[in-house]
C-alpha cells in the first residue's frame, strides 16, 4: 500500500551534466559550435564565445542550485544523476 492511499508513484531524477564542450579556457583551439540551441552557431577560432559559454555556465553556477533549493524547500526527494 502507498502512503495516504496514493494511486500514482512519481520518481524525480535530475540529470546534471557537467559538460565537455570546447572552450579556449580548457586549452581547445576554438569555441563550441555543436552542442547548443543556438541555430547556425559557428566556432570562433582563437576567441571565446560568450553566448555559448553562458549557456553551459548557467547550469552548474545557478540552475542546479535553484532546483536543489526548491526541492529541499518543498521536501521533494530527488535522485541526481
Protein backbone atom coordinates (compact mmCIF):
# COMPACT_ATOMS: atom_id res chain seq x y z
CA UNK A 1 0.00 0.00 0.00
CA UNK A 2 1.12 3.51 -0.82
CA UNK A 3 1.08 6.28 1.83
CA UNK A 4 -2.21 8.21 2.15
CA UNK A 5 -3.91 5.85 -0.31
CA UNK A 6 -1.92 7.22 -3.25
CA UNK A 7 -2.61 5.69 -6.67
CA UNK A 8 0.43 7.07 -8.51
CA UNK A 9 4.13 6.97 -7.67
CA UNK A 10 6.44 9.62 -9.07
CA UNK A 11 10.19 9.19 -9.36
CA UNK A 12 12.00 12.50 -9.94
CA UNK A 13 15.52 12.33 -11.42
CA UNK A 14 17.59 15.43 -12.14
CA UNK A 15 20.08 14.77 -14.95
CA UNK A 16 23.05 17.02 -14.19
CA UNK A 17 25.60 17.17 -16.98
CA UNK A 18 28.95 18.76 -16.27
CA UNK A 19 29.68 19.45 -19.93
CA UNK A 20 32.58 18.64 -22.19
CA UNK A 21 32.17 21.45 -24.68
CA UNK A 22 35.09 23.12 -26.44
CA UNK A 23 36.39 26.22 -24.68
CA UNK A 24 39.62 28.17 -25.03
CA UNK A 25 39.95 28.25 -21.24
CA UNK A 26 40.27 24.45 -21.33
CA UNK A 27 43.01 24.50 -23.95
CA UNK A 28 40.82 23.91 -27.01
CA UNK A 29 41.68 25.69 -30.26
CA UNK A 30 38.19 27.02 -30.87
CA UNK A 31 34.89 27.60 -29.13
CA UNK A 32 31.99 25.12 -29.10
CA UNK A 33 29.80 25.04 -32.21
CA UNK A 34 27.62 21.93 -32.00
CA UNK A 35 26.22 21.31 -28.53
CA UNK A 36 23.74 24.16 -28.11
CA UNK A 37 20.37 25.56 -29.03
CA UNK A 38 22.00 28.43 -30.96
CA UNK A 39 20.88 27.77 -34.55
CA UNK A 40 23.77 28.06 -37.00
CA UNK A 41 26.38 28.61 -34.30
CA UNK A 42 29.92 28.55 -35.60
CA UNK A 43 33.21 28.09 -33.83
CA UNK A 44 35.31 31.16 -33.24
CA UNK A 45 38.96 30.25 -33.69
CA UNK A 46 41.21 31.77 -31.06
CA UNK A 47 38.35 33.60 -29.31
CA UNK A 48 35.91 32.83 -26.55
CA UNK A 49 32.22 32.62 -27.47
CA UNK A 50 30.40 34.45 -24.64
CA UNK A 51 26.89 33.32 -25.66
CA UNK A 52 27.90 29.69 -25.91
CA UNK A 53 29.86 29.70 -22.65
CA UNK A 54 26.99 31.32 -20.75
CA UNK A 55 24.61 28.52 -21.81
CA UNK A 56 26.86 25.94 -20.18
CA UNK A 57 27.88 28.07 -17.21
CA UNK A 58 24.32 28.71 -16.05
CA UNK A 59 23.57 25.06 -15.27
CA UNK A 60 26.41 24.49 -12.83
CA UNK A 61 26.57 28.02 -11.44
CA UNK A 62 22.86 28.71 -10.89
CA UNK A 63 20.42 26.30 -12.49
CA UNK A 64 21.25 23.22 -10.45
CA UNK A 65 21.30 25.13 -7.17
CA UNK A 66 17.94 26.81 -7.84
CA UNK A 67 16.31 23.42 -8.45
CA UNK A 68 18.11 21.87 -5.47
CA UNK A 69 16.88 24.59 -3.09
CA UNK A 70 13.32 24.36 -4.46
CA UNK A 71 13.19 20.60 -3.99
CA UNK A 72 14.57 20.87 -0.45
CA UNK A 73 12.11 23.63 0.44
CA UNK A 74 9.18 21.55 -0.83
CA UNK A 75 10.61 18.38 0.77
CA UNK A 76 10.59 16.55 -2.59
CA UNK A 77 13.00 13.61 -2.80
CA UNK A 78 15.10 13.55 -5.94
CA UNK A 79 17.86 11.44 -7.41
CA UNK A 80 20.67 13.38 -9.09
CA UNK A 81 22.28 11.53 -11.97
